[in-house]
Amino acid sequence: MSSKKLTKLIKELNSTLDKAITKQSSKSSKKITSSTTSKEKIKPVIPPTREQLIDKINVSDKLKHCIFHPRKIQEITYDILQHTSYPDYSLSIIFCGNKFITKLNEKDRRKKGPTDILSYPTYSPDLEHNFPLMDTEDGPIPKELAAVLANEHKLILEQEKYLGEMVISQPYIVDYCKQKNLSLNHHMALLLTHGVLHLMGYDHEVKKDYLVMRAKEKEILAALEEERGPEEWANLNLLKDEAVKEEDPLPE
C-alpha cells in the first residue's frame, strides 16, 4: 500500500470516528440540556423486550438444506448472552459447508482444511495486534492503520452493541458428532457458547487461557440446564422438524 493511499485511508477513518464521536457527544449534550430545562419532556427509557433482543440475533446460512431451526438458535444464543456481560448485545451466526469455512480458515488463520466454528469479534483487546497479520489486496495492513481500525471497531461495539459474527460448518459438526457419538443439539449449544466467548475476547491458545474459557463454558451450560430443568435440557432440540423426522436421524 502506497504511503499516499495509506495516509488518505487513515484520514478517512479518523474523519468517520470524529463524526461518530461528535454525534454521540451531541446526543449526550441534548439529554443534559433537556433534563435541566424541562423535566416534563423527559421520557422514561423503555428497555427492549426479550423478543426484541432475540430478533436482533441474526441467523442465516449458505446451505441448500440447513438442519438447524433459526428461531431456536436465536433463542438459545440469547439465553447464553444472559450469562455474560453483554445480555442486550446482538451478533450474527452463519451456517455453511466445509468448502466455505475452509477458505476462511486458510485465509484468516492460515490453517488448512475445514473446522467447526470461526468467530470474528467486532472488537477484542488484541485486535490492534491481529490486524497487521491480515492480508488485503494491497498486502499486509500497516500498524498505523491497524490502530485506527481497532478504535473504529471498539466504537462500533460500544455504540451499536454488536459483538460480531460466528461461522459454523454444519457438515463438519454433524460428522464430528457421529464419530464421537455426541448429541448434536448439546454440542451445538456448546459451540454457540464457545463462539460467544470468543466474540467477548476469550481465547485458548495457551493452557491457562483454555482452562479459563472452558470453565466459563461449563458455567454457562450448567446455568442453561438449571433454568430449563434436567428433563427439558436432556431433550434439547435445535433442529427443524423435518430434520428430526428423517429416516436416518442425526445423532442425539
C-alpha atoms as a PDB file:
ATOM      1  CA  MET A   1       0.000   0.000   0.000  1.00  0.00           C
ATOM      2  CA  SER A   2       1.486   3.353  -1.044  1.00  0.00           C
ATOM      3  CA  SER A   3       2.119   5.990   1.627  1.00  0.00           C
ATOM      4  CA  LYS A   4      -0.308   8.387  -0.089  1.00  0.00           C
ATOM      5  CA  LYS A   5      -3.047   5.779  -0.173  1.00  0.00           C
ATOM      6  CA  LEU A   6      -2.412   4.849   3.452  1.00  0.00           C
ATOM      7  CA  THR A   7      -2.474   8.490   4.568  1.00  0.00           C
ATOM      8  CA  LYS A   8      -5.746   9.076   2.724  1.00  0.00           C
ATOM      9  CA  LEU A   9      -7.330   5.966   4.241  1.00  0.00           C
ATOM     10  CA  ILE A  10      -6.259   6.885   7.779  1.00  0.00           C
ATOM     11  CA  LYS A  11      -7.676  10.411   7.324  1.00  0.00           C
ATOM     12  CA  GLU A  12     -10.991   8.985   6.112  1.00  0.00           C
ATOM     13  CA  LEU A  13     -11.224   6.591   9.043  1.00  0.00           C
ATOM     14  CA  ASN A  14     -10.278   9.294  11.527  1.00  0.00           C
ATOM     15  CA  SER A  15     -12.937  11.523   9.999  1.00  0.00           C
ATOM     16  CA  THR A  16     -15.508   8.742  10.427  1.00  0.00           C
ATOM     17  CA  LEU A  17     -14.502   8.313  14.046  1.00  0.00           C
ATOM     18  CA  ASP A  18     -14.654  12.064  14.729  1.00  0.00           C
ATOM     19  CA  LYS A  19     -18.142  12.309  13.240  1.00  0.00           C
ATOM     20  CA  ALA A  20     -19.381   9.359  15.274  1.00  0.00           C
ATOM     21  CA  ILE A  21     -17.902  10.747  18.485  1.00  0.00           C
ATOM     22  CA  THR A  22     -19.287  14.234  17.753  1.00  0.00           C
ATOM     23  CA  LYS A  23     -22.711  12.756  17.061  1.00  0.00           C
ATOM     24  CA  GLN A  24     -22.635  10.820  20.313  1.00  0.00           C
ATOM     25  CA  SER A  25     -21.468  13.898  22.257  1.00  0.00           C
ATOM     26  CA  SER A  26     -24.240  15.965  20.687  1.00  0.00           C
ATOM     27  CA  LYS A  27     -26.811  13.397  21.808  1.00  0.00           C
ATOM     28  CA  SER A  28     -25.422  13.428  25.336  1.00  0.00           C
ATOM     29  CA  SER A  29     -25.413  17.243  25.400  1.00  0.00           C
ATOM     30  CA  LYS A  30     -29.043  17.387  24.298  1.00  0.00           C
ATOM     31  CA  LYS A  31     -30.019  14.921  27.001  1.00  0.00           C
ATOM     32  CA  ILE A  32     -28.309  17.029  29.675  1.00  0.00           C
ATOM     33  CA  THR A  33     -29.893  20.263  28.404  1.00  0.00           C
ATOM     34  CA  SER A  34     -33.371  18.820  28.267  1.00  0.00           C
ATOM     35  CA  SER A  35     -33.060  17.393  31.768  1.00  0.00           C
ATOM     36  CA  THR A  36     -32.168  20.784  33.220  1.00  0.00           C
ATOM     37  CA  THR A  37     -34.707  22.893  31.319  1.00  0.00           C
ATOM     38  CA  SER A  38     -37.842  20.805  31.035  1.00  0.00           C
ATOM     39  CA  LYS A  39     -38.421  17.780  33.194  1.00  0.00           C
ATOM     40  CA  GLU A  40     -41.795  17.275  31.518  1.00  0.00           C
ATOM     41  CA  LYS A  41     -40.059  16.442  28.229  1.00  0.00           C
ATOM     42  CA  ILE A  42     -38.048  13.610  29.724  1.00  0.00           C
ATOM     43  CA  LYS A  43     -39.431  10.256  28.677  1.00  0.00           C
ATOM     44  CA  PRO A  44     -38.522   7.079  30.526  1.00  0.00           C
ATOM     45  CA  VAL A  45     -36.193   4.790  28.616  1.00  0.00           C
ATOM     46  CA  ILE A  46     -38.034   1.578  27.912  1.00  0.00           C
ATOM     47  CA  PRO A  47     -35.625  -1.357  27.720  1.00  0.00           C
ATOM     48  CA  PRO A  48     -36.093  -3.750  24.798  1.00  0.00           C
ATOM     49  CA  THR A  49     -38.176  -6.835  25.439  1.00  0.00           C
ATOM     50  CA  ARG A  50     -36.850 -10.382  25.350  1.00  0.00           C
ATOM     51  CA  GLU A  51     -38.459 -10.943  21.947  1.00  0.00           C
ATOM     52  CA  GLN A  52     -36.927  -7.767  20.529  1.00  0.00           C
ATOM     53  CA  LEU A  53     -33.456  -8.795  21.698  1.00  0.00           C
ATOM     54  CA  ILE A  54     -33.910 -12.286  20.262  1.00  0.00           C
ATOM     55  CA  ASP A  55     -34.937 -10.753  16.920  1.00  0.00           C
ATOM     56  CA  LYS A  56     -31.658  -8.785  16.832  1.00  0.00           C
ATOM     57  CA  ILE A  57     -29.643 -12.013  16.734  1.00  0.00           C
ATOM     58  CA  ASN A  58     -29.201 -12.701  13.031  1.00  0.00           C
ATOM     59  CA  VAL A  59     -29.136 -16.334  11.844  1.00  0.00           C
ATOM     60  CA  SER A  60     -28.530 -17.174   8.177  1.00  0.00           C
ATOM     61  CA  ASP A  61     -27.000 -19.955   6.098  1.00  0.00           C
ATOM     62  CA  LYS A  62     -25.137 -20.681   2.878  1.00  0.00           C
ATOM     63  CA  LEU A  63     -26.535 -24.194   2.522  1.00  0.00           C
ATOM     64  CA  LYS A  64     -29.068 -25.961   0.311  1.00  0.00           C
ATOM     65  CA  HIS A  65     -30.527 -27.555   3.414  1.00  0.00           C
ATOM     66  CA  CYS A  66     -29.803 -26.132   6.844  1.00  0.00           C
ATOM     67  CA  ILE A  67     -30.987 -28.564   9.530  1.00  0.00           C
ATOM     68  CA  PHE A  68     -30.932 -26.045  12.382  1.00  0.00           C
ATOM     69  CA  HIS A  69     -34.053 -24.041  13.229  1.00  0.00           C
ATOM     70  CA  PRO A  70     -33.215 -20.288  13.053  1.00  0.00           C
ATOM     71  CA  ARG A  71     -35.544 -19.261  15.895  1.00  0.00           C
ATOM     72  CA  LYS A  72     -34.308 -21.997  18.203  1.00  0.00           C
ATOM     73  CA  ILE A  73     -30.717 -20.922  17.528  1.00  0.00           C
ATOM     74  CA  GLN A  74     -31.660 -17.293  18.214  1.00  0.00           C
ATOM     75  CA  GLU A  75     -33.337 -18.202  21.490  1.00  0.00           C
ATOM     76  CA  ILE A  76     -30.547 -20.322  22.943  1.00  0.00           C
ATOM     77  CA  THR A  77     -27.962 -17.733  21.874  1.00  0.00           C
ATOM     78  CA  TYR A  78     -29.985 -15.071  23.691  1.00  0.00           C
ATOM     79  CA  ASP A  79     -30.076 -17.300  26.778  1.00  0.00           C
ATOM     80  CA  ILE A  80     -26.300 -17.741  26.584  1.00  0.00           C
ATOM     81  CA  LEU A  81     -25.802 -13.971  26.406  1.00  0.00           C
ATOM     82  CA  GLN A  82     -27.822 -13.533  29.610  1.00  0.00           C
ATOM     83  CA  HIS A  83     -24.956 -15.195  31.470  1.00  0.00           C
ATOM     84  CA  THR A  84     -22.340 -12.778  30.124  1.00  0.00           C
ATOM     85  CA  SER A  85     -21.576  -9.074  30.457  1.00  0.00           C
ATOM     86  CA  TYR A  86     -23.399  -8.440  27.148  1.00  0.00           C
ATOM     87  CA  PRO A  87     -27.031  -9.520  27.745  1.00  0.00           C
ATOM     88  CA  ASP A  88     -28.538  -6.944  25.349  1.00  0.00           C
ATOM     89  CA  TYR A  89     -25.968  -7.211  22.543  1.00  0.00           C
ATOM     90  CA  SER A  90     -26.586  -8.659  19.086  1.00  0.00           C
ATOM     91  CA  LEU A  91     -24.468 -10.871  16.841  1.00  0.00           C
ATOM     92  CA  SER A  92     -24.667 -12.871  13.619  1.00  0.00           C
ATOM     93  CA  ILE A  93     -24.486 -16.630  13.094  1.00  0.00           C
ATOM     94  CA  ILE A  94     -23.859 -18.107   9.643  1.00  0.00           C
ATOM     95  CA  PHE A  95     -24.190 -21.824   8.901  1.00  0.00           C
ATOM     96  CA  CYS A  96     -22.140 -23.011   5.947  1.00  0.00           C
ATOM     97  CA  GLY A  97     -20.436 -26.008   4.327  1.00  0.00           C
ATOM     98  CA  ASN A  98     -16.882 -27.289   4.640  1.00  0.00           C
ATOM     99  CA  LYS A  99     -15.757 -25.626   1.409  1.00  0.00           C
ATOM    100  CA  PHE A 100     -16.772 -22.155   2.586  1.00  0.00           C
ATOM    101  CA  ILE A 101     -15.266 -22.460   6.066  1.00  0.00           C
ATOM    102  CA  THR A 102     -12.057 -23.981   4.632  1.00  0.00           C
ATOM    103  CA  LYS A 103     -11.491 -20.826   2.578  1.00  0.00           C
ATOM    104  CA  LEU A 104     -11.990 -18.658   5.660  1.00  0.00           C
ATOM    105  CA  ASN A 105      -9.782 -20.888   7.798  1.00  0.00           C
ATOM    106  CA  GLU A 106      -6.931 -20.748   5.293  1.00  0.00           C
ATOM    107  CA  LYS A 107      -7.297 -17.018   4.619  1.00  0.00           C
ATOM    108  CA  ASP A 108      -7.797 -15.774   8.177  1.00  0.00           C
ATOM    109  CA  ARG A 109      -5.958 -18.346  10.287  1.00  0.00           C
ATOM    110  CA  ARG A 110      -3.504 -19.759   7.726  1.00  0.00           C
ATOM    111  CA  LYS A 111      -4.672 -23.265   8.619  1.00  0.00           C
ATOM    112  CA  LYS A 112      -5.555 -25.902   6.041  1.00  0.00           C
ATOM    113  CA  GLY A 113      -8.828 -27.750   5.902  1.00  0.00           C
ATOM    114  CA  PRO A 114     -12.245 -27.170   7.471  1.00  0.00           C
ATOM    115  CA  THR A 115     -13.028 -26.509  11.116  1.00  0.00           C
ATOM    116  CA  ASP A 116     -16.176 -26.436  13.229  1.00  0.00           C
ATOM    117  CA  ILE A 117     -16.517 -22.742  14.063  1.00  0.00           C
ATOM    118  CA  LEU A 118     -14.787 -19.432  13.368  1.00  0.00           C
ATOM    119  CA  SER A 119     -15.501 -16.286  15.370  1.00  0.00           C
ATOM    120  CA  TYR A 120     -15.000 -12.714  14.204  1.00  0.00           C
ATOM    121  CA  PRO A 121     -15.325 -10.294  17.148  1.00  0.00           C
ATOM    122  CA  THR A 122     -16.213  -6.692  16.438  1.00  0.00           C
ATOM    123  CA  TYR A 123     -13.564  -5.751  18.970  1.00  0.00           C
ATOM    124  CA  SER A 124     -11.157  -7.504  21.308  1.00  0.00           C
ATOM    125  CA  PRO A 125      -8.107  -6.209  23.231  1.00  0.00           C
ATOM    126  CA  ASP A 126      -5.710  -7.926  20.816  1.00  0.00           C
ATOM    127  CA  LEU A 127      -7.429  -6.609  17.675  1.00  0.00           C
ATOM    128  CA  GLU A 128      -4.761  -3.957  17.074  1.00  0.00           C
ATOM    129  CA  HIS A 129      -2.157  -6.723  17.163  1.00  0.00           C
ATOM    130  CA  ASN A 130      -4.149  -9.030  14.877  1.00  0.00           C
ATOM    131  CA  PHE A 131      -4.916  -6.525  12.106  1.00  0.00           C
ATOM    132  CA  PRO A 132      -1.288  -6.321  10.868  1.00  0.00           C
ATOM    133  CA  LEU A 133      -1.332 -10.123  10.469  1.00  0.00           C
ATOM    134  CA  MET A 134      -4.192  -9.938   7.976  1.00  0.00           C
ATOM    135  CA  ASP A 135      -3.613  -9.636   4.245  1.00  0.00           C
ATOM    136  CA  THR A 136      -5.517  -7.367   1.874  1.00  0.00           C
ATOM    137  CA  GLU A 137      -5.346  -6.917  -1.886  1.00  0.00           C
ATOM    138  CA  ASP A 138      -2.624  -4.340  -1.241  1.00  0.00           C
ATOM    139  CA  GLY A 139      -0.680  -6.546   1.168  1.00  0.00           C
ATOM    140  CA  PRO A 140      -0.489  -6.673   4.989  1.00  0.00           C
ATOM    141  CA  ILE A 141      -2.299  -3.964   6.968  1.00  0.00           C
ATOM    142  CA  PRO A 142       0.244  -1.407   8.324  1.00  0.00           C
ATOM    143  CA  LYS A 143       0.434  -0.854  12.088  1.00  0.00           C
ATOM    144  CA  GLU A 144      -0.676   2.789  11.775  1.00  0.00           C
ATOM    145  CA  LEU A 145      -3.877   1.739  10.030  1.00  0.00           C
ATOM    146  CA  ALA A 146      -4.370  -1.159  12.456  1.00  0.00           C
ATOM    147  CA  ALA A 147      -4.609   1.252  15.401  1.00  0.00           C
ATOM    148  CA  VAL A 148      -7.271   3.316  13.626  1.00  0.00           C
ATOM    149  CA  LEU A 149      -9.235   0.219  12.630  1.00  0.00           C
ATOM    150  CA  ALA A 150      -9.124  -1.133  16.190  1.00  0.00           C
ATOM    151  CA  ASN A 151     -10.513   2.145  17.568  1.00  0.00           C
ATOM    152  CA  GLU A 152     -13.255   2.167  14.963  1.00  0.00           C
ATOM    153  CA  HIS A 153     -14.268  -1.381  15.866  1.00  0.00           C
ATOM    154  CA  LYS A 154     -14.326  -0.512  19.566  1.00  0.00           C
ATOM    155  CA  LEU A 155     -16.692   2.360  18.775  1.00  0.00           C
ATOM    156  CA  ILE A 156     -18.981   0.014  16.832  1.00  0.00           C
ATOM    157  CA  LEU A 157     -19.010  -2.455  19.728  1.00  0.00           C
ATOM    158  CA  GLU A 158     -19.967   0.203  22.269  1.00  0.00           C
ATOM    159  CA  GLN A 159     -22.474   2.211  20.225  1.00  0.00           C
ATOM    160  CA  GLU A 160     -24.085  -0.484  18.091  1.00  0.00           C
ATOM    161  CA  LYS A 161     -23.923  -3.179  20.797  1.00  0.00           C
ATOM    162  CA  TYR A 162     -22.801  -5.680  18.176  1.00  0.00           C
ATOM    163  CA  LEU A 163     -20.437  -8.454  19.291  1.00  0.00           C
ATOM    164  CA  GLY A 164     -19.540  -9.791  15.853  1.00  0.00           C
ATOM    165  CA  GLU A 165     -20.076 -12.866  13.692  1.00  0.00           C
ATOM    166  CA  MET A 166     -19.549 -16.587  14.029  1.00  0.00           C
ATOM    167  CA  VAL A 167     -19.411 -19.026  11.111  1.00  0.00           C
ATOM    168  CA  ILE A 168     -20.326 -22.674  11.733  1.00  0.00           C
ATOM    169  CA  SER A 169     -19.792 -25.617   9.366  1.00  0.00           C
ATOM    170  CA  GLN A 170     -22.864 -27.852   9.501  1.00  0.00           C
ATOM    171  CA  PRO A 171     -21.325 -30.932   7.813  1.00  0.00           C
ATOM    172  CA  TYR A 172     -18.218 -30.707   9.973  1.00  0.00           C
ATOM    173  CA  ILE A 173     -20.104 -30.794  13.262  1.00  0.00           C
ATOM    174  CA  VAL A 174     -22.568 -33.451  12.045  1.00  0.00           C
ATOM    175  CA  ASP A 175     -19.666 -35.750  11.110  1.00  0.00           C
ATOM    176  CA  TYR A 176     -17.854 -34.939  14.353  1.00  0.00           C
ATOM    177  CA  CYS A 177     -20.888 -35.816  16.468  1.00  0.00           C
ATOM    178  CA  LYS A 178     -21.373 -39.096  14.590  1.00  0.00           C
ATOM    179  CA  GLN A 179     -17.723 -40.050  15.071  1.00  0.00           C
ATOM    180  CA  LYS A 180     -17.723 -39.167  18.771  1.00  0.00           C
ATOM    181  CA  ASN A 181     -21.286 -40.395  19.416  1.00  0.00           C
ATOM    182  CA  LEU A 182     -22.287 -36.969  20.759  1.00  0.00           C
ATOM    183  CA  SER A 183     -25.651 -35.261  20.947  1.00  0.00           C
ATOM    184  CA  LEU A 184     -25.782 -32.850  18.019  1.00  0.00           C
ATOM    185  CA  ASN A 185     -28.095 -30.495  19.897  1.00  0.00           C
ATOM    186  CA  HIS A 186     -25.972 -30.305  23.030  1.00  0.00           C
ATOM    187  CA  HIS A 187     -22.785 -29.979  21.004  1.00  0.00           C
ATOM    188  CA  MET A 188     -24.360 -27.055  19.147  1.00  0.00           C
ATOM    189  CA  ALA A 189     -25.191 -25.426  22.494  1.00  0.00           C
ATOM    190  CA  LEU A 190     -21.532 -25.830  23.454  1.00  0.00           C
ATOM    191  CA  LEU A 191     -20.320 -24.398  20.127  1.00  0.00           C
ATOM    192  CA  LEU A 192     -22.590 -21.364  20.411  1.00  0.00           C
ATOM    193  CA  THR A 193     -21.321 -20.749  23.945  1.00  0.00           C
ATOM    194  CA  HIS A 194     -17.752 -21.192  22.712  1.00  0.00           C
ATOM    195  CA  GLY A 195     -18.337 -18.751  19.856  1.00  0.00           C
ATOM    196  CA  VAL A 196     -19.946 -16.113  22.078  1.00  0.00           C
ATOM    197  CA  LEU A 197     -16.983 -16.270  24.470  1.00  0.00           C
ATOM    198  CA  HIS A 198     -14.593 -15.802  21.549  1.00  0.00           C
ATOM    199  CA  LEU A 199     -16.569 -12.712  20.498  1.00  0.00           C
ATOM    200  CA  MET A 200     -16.130 -11.413  24.054  1.00  0.00           C
ATOM    201  CA  GLY A 201     -12.343 -11.814  23.859  1.00  0.00           C
ATOM    202  CA  TYR A 202     -11.802 -15.252  25.403  1.00  0.00           C
ATOM    203  CA  ASP A 203      -9.146 -17.435  23.773  1.00  0.00           C
ATOM    204  CA  HIS A 204      -7.485 -20.827  24.202  1.00  0.00           C
ATOM    205  CA  GLU A 205      -4.096 -20.535  22.515  1.00  0.00           C
ATOM    206  CA  VAL A 206      -2.293 -21.292  25.789  1.00  0.00           C
ATOM    207  CA  LYS A 207      -3.322 -23.759  28.508  1.00  0.00           C
ATOM    208  CA  LYS A 208      -4.057 -21.085  31.127  1.00  0.00           C
ATOM    209  CA  ASP A 209      -6.489 -19.278  28.810  1.00  0.00           C
ATOM    210  CA  TYR A 210      -8.019 -22.586  27.723  1.00  0.00           C
ATOM    211  CA  LEU A 211      -8.807 -23.535  31.319  1.00  0.00           C
ATOM    212  CA  VAL A 212     -10.443 -20.149  31.978  1.00  0.00           C
ATOM    213  CA  MET A 213     -12.541 -20.364  28.808  1.00  0.00           C
ATOM    214  CA  ARG A 214     -13.522 -23.985  29.423  1.00  0.00           C
ATOM    215  CA  ALA A 215     -14.611 -23.176  32.978  1.00  0.00           C
ATOM    216  CA  LYS A 216     -16.821 -20.334  31.689  1.00  0.00           C
ATOM    217  CA  GLU A 217     -18.366 -22.636  29.076  1.00  0.00           C
ATOM    218  CA  LYS A 218     -19.249 -25.193  31.749  1.00  0.00           C
ATOM    219  CA  GLU A 219     -20.661 -22.456  33.982  1.00  0.00           C
ATOM    220  CA  ILE A 220     -22.973 -21.143  31.248  1.00  0.00           C
ATOM    221  CA  LEU A 221     -24.135 -24.587  30.111  1.00  0.00           C
ATOM    222  CA  ALA A 222     -24.837 -25.611  33.712  1.00  0.00           C
ATOM    223  CA  ALA A 223     -26.912 -22.442  34.153  1.00  0.00           C
ATOM    224  CA  LEU A 224     -28.906 -23.216  30.991  1.00  0.00           C
ATOM    225  CA  GLU A 225     -29.605 -26.743  32.223  1.00  0.00           C
ATOM    226  CA  GLU A 226     -30.695 -25.444  35.622  1.00  0.00           C
ATOM    227  CA  GLU A 227     -33.057 -22.897  34.039  1.00  0.00           C
ATOM    228  CA  ARG A 228     -34.721 -25.498  31.824  1.00  0.00           C
ATOM    229  CA  GLY A 229     -34.642 -28.402  34.214  1.00  0.00           C
ATOM    230  CA  PRO A 230     -32.972 -31.811  33.673  1.00  0.00           C
ATOM    231  CA  GLU A 231     -35.743 -33.300  31.515  1.00  0.00           C
ATOM    232  CA  GLU A 232     -36.124 -30.352  29.137  1.00  0.00           C
ATOM    233  CA  TRP A 233     -32.352 -29.995  28.817  1.00  0.00           C
ATOM    234  CA  ALA A 234     -31.954 -33.716  28.102  1.00  0.00           C
ATOM    235  CA  ASN A 235     -34.473 -33.321  25.242  1.00  0.00           C
ATOM    236  CA  LEU A 236     -32.935 -30.110  23.877  1.00  0.00           C
ATOM    237  CA  ASN A 237     -33.901 -29.714  20.232  1.00  0.00           C
ATOM    238  CA  LEU A 238     -32.374 -27.054  17.981  1.00  0.00           C
ATOM    239  CA  LEU A 239     -33.297 -28.770  14.711  1.00  0.00           C
ATOM    240  CA  LYS A 240     -36.018 -28.135  12.164  1.00  0.00           C
ATOM    241  CA  ASP A 241     -38.940 -30.558  12.385  1.00  0.00           C
ATOM    242  CA  GLU A 242     -38.090 -32.214   9.060  1.00  0.00           C
ATOM    243  CA  ALA A 243     -34.528 -32.872  10.246  1.00  0.00           C
ATOM    244  CA  VAL A 244     -35.813 -34.625  13.368  1.00  0.00           C
ATOM    245  CA  LYS A 245     -38.244 -36.787  11.348  1.00  0.00           C
ATOM    246  CA  GLU A 246     -35.678 -38.037   8.807  1.00  0.00           C
ATOM    247  CA  GLU A 247     -35.421 -41.834   8.431  1.00  0.00           C
ATOM    248  CA  ASP A 248     -31.704 -41.683   9.132  1.00  0.00           C
ATOM    249  CA  PRO A 249     -31.813 -39.299  12.119  1.00  0.00           C
ATOM    250  CA  LEU A 250     -28.886 -37.209  13.200  1.00  0.00           C
ATOM    251  CA  PRO A 251     -27.192 -38.309  16.437  1.00  0.00           C
ATOM    252  CA  GLU A 252     -28.981 -37.350  19.605  1.00  0.00           C
END
